[in-house]
Amino acid sequence: MTSQVMKDEFFVVHPLDDVAEAKCSSEGLGRIRMTRAVRLSLGVLRGYLVLMTGMLVYHVLHLAGVLG
């Protein structure tokens, strides 16, 4: 194989081997404005995640025999 890369081939670099990028700073950005729909959607998502986590914990405890 030659040292030249052909036009239809791509050179792939793994992210761990790549050069680190400069990180963006979020200082001084302030709070993000959210509409009611976004706030409601995030609240529903939070409730769903809490419910699913509770169901997972219950299932694991039930399988472990802690709950009987």
C-alpha atoms as a PDB file:
ATOM      1  CA  MET A   1       0.000   0.000   0.000  1.00  0.00           C
ATOM      2  CA  THR A   2       1.298   3.445  -0.808  1.00  0.00           C
ATOM      3  CA  SER A   3       1.740   6.277   1.665  1.00  0.00           C
ATOM      4  CA  GLN A   4      -0.703   8.461  -0.245  1.00  0.00           C
ATOM      5  CA  VAL A   5      -4.360   8.396   0.681  1.00  0.00           C
ATOM      6  CA  MET A   6      -6.610   7.732  -2.272  1.00  0.00           C
ATOM      7  CA  LYS A   7      -9.534  10.080  -2.979  1.00  0.00           C
ATOM      8  CA  ASP A   8     -12.178   7.551  -1.946  1.00  0.00           C
ATOM      9  CA  GLU A   9     -10.475   6.638   1.335  1.00  0.00           C
ATOM     10  CA  PHE A  10     -10.701   8.479   4.635  1.00  0.00           C
ATOM     11  CA  PHE A  11      -8.161   8.885   7.394  1.00  0.00           C
ATOM     12  CA  VAL A  12      -9.788   8.046  10.738  1.00  0.00           C
ATOM     13  CA  VAL A  13      -8.419   9.333  14.040  1.00  0.00           C
ATOM     14  CA  HIS A  14      -9.741   7.881  17.288  1.00  0.00           C
ATOM     15  CA  PRO A  15     -10.939  10.618  19.705  1.00  0.00           C
ATOM     16  CA  LEU A  16      -8.510   9.436  22.396  1.00  0.00           C
ATOM     17  CA  ASP A  17      -5.605   9.783  19.981  1.00  0.00           C
ATOM     18  CA  ASP A  18      -6.712  13.162  18.612  1.00  0.00           C
ATOM     19  CA  VAL A  19      -5.381  16.540  19.720  1.00  0.00           C
ATOM     20  CA  ALA A  20      -7.448  18.032  22.549  1.00  0.00           C
ATOM     21  CA  GLU A  21      -9.667  20.985  21.647  1.00  0.00           C
ATOM     22  CA  ALA A  22      -9.941  24.173  23.648  1.00  0.00           C
ATOM     23  CA  LYS A  23     -13.024  24.084  25.881  1.00  0.00           C
ATOM     24  CA  CYS A  24     -15.659  26.784  25.661  1.00  0.00           C
ATOM     25  CA  SER A  25     -16.334  28.803  28.794  1.00  0.00           C
ATOM     26  CA  SER A  26     -19.915  29.199  29.999  1.00  0.00           C
ATOM     27  CA  GLU A  27     -19.120  31.912  32.530  1.00  0.00           C
ATOM     28  CA  GLY A  28     -21.237  35.010  32.210  1.00  0.00           C
ATOM     29  CA  LEU A  29     -23.901  33.439  30.018  1.00  0.00           C
ATOM     30  CA  GLY A  30     -26.681  33.759  32.576  1.00  0.00           C
ATOM     31  CA  ARG A  31     -29.905  31.781  32.702  1.00  0.00           C
ATOM     32  CA  ILE A  32     -31.575  30.355  29.625  1.00  0.00           C
ATOM     33  CA  ARG A  33     -35.049  31.649  28.862  1.00  0.00           C
ATOM     34  CA  MET A  34     -37.595  28.858  28.559  1.00  0.00           C
ATOM     35  CA  THR A  35     -41.149  28.970  27.312  1.00  0.00           C
ATOM     36  CA  ARG A  36     -43.984  27.338  29.248  1.00  0.00           C
ATOM     37  CA  ALA A  37     -44.024  24.429  26.799  1.00  0.00           C
ATOM     38  CA  VAL A  38     -40.316  23.763  27.334  1.00  0.00           C
ATOM     39  CA  ARG A  39     -40.680  24.054  31.104  1.00  0.00           C
ATOM     40  CA  LEU A  40     -43.645  21.650  31.035  1.00  0.00           C
ATOM     41  CA  SER A  41     -41.798  19.181  28.798  1.00  0.00           C
ATOM     42  CA  LEU A  42     -38.781  19.168  31.097  1.00  0.00           C
ATOM     43  CA  GLY A  43     -41.029  18.668  34.118  1.00  0.00           C
ATOM     44  CA  VAL A  44     -42.751  15.711  32.451  1.00  0.00           C
ATOM     45  CA  LEU A  45     -39.366  14.256  31.499  1.00  0.00           C
ATOM     46  CA  ARG A  46     -38.131  14.635  35.071  1.00  0.00           C
ATOM     47  CA  GLY A  47     -41.234  12.898  36.414  1.00  0.00           C
ATOM     48  CA  TYR A  48     -40.846  10.080  33.898  1.00  0.00           C
ATOM     49  CA  LEU A  49     -37.198   9.545  34.849  1.00  0.00           C
ATOM     50  CA  VAL A  50     -38.050   9.506  38.572  1.00  0.00           C
ATOM     51  CA  LEU A  51     -40.863   7.001  37.957  1.00  0.00           C
ATOM     52  CA  MET A  52     -38.675   4.712  35.819  1.00  0.00           C
ATOM     53  CA  THR A  53     -35.873   4.842  38.386  1.00  0.00           C
ATOM     54  CA  GLY A  54     -38.337   3.922  41.142  1.00  0.00           C
ATOM     55  CA  MET A  55     -39.658   1.021  39.082  1.00  0.00           C
ATOM     56  CA  LEU A  56     -36.116  -0.201  38.410  1.00  0.00           C
ATOM     57  CA  VAL A  57     -35.195  -0.048  42.105  1.00  0.00           C
ATOM     58  CA  TYR A  58     -38.403  -1.907  43.017  1.00  0.00           C
ATOM     59  CA  HIS A  59     -37.724  -4.584  40.391  1.00  0.00           C
ATOM     60  CA  VAL A  60     -34.129  -5.107  41.535  1.00  0.00           C
ATOM     61  CA  LEU A  61     -35.165  -5.303  45.194  1.00  0.00           C
ATOM     62  CA  HIS A  62     -37.944  -7.722  44.307  1.00  0.00           C
ATOM     63  CA  LEU A  63     -35.519  -9.947  42.355  1.00  0.00           C
ATOM     64  CA  ALA A  64     -33.082  -9.830  45.276  1.00  0.00           C
ATOM     65  CA  GLY A  65     -35.813 -11.089  47.605  1.00  0.00           C
ATOM     66  CA  VAL A  66     -35.732  -8.023  49.853  1.00  0.00           C
ATOM     67  CA  LEU A  67     -39.391  -7.193  49.301  1.00  0.00           C
ATOM     68  CA  GLY A  68     -40.672 -10.724  49.680  1.00  0.00           C
END
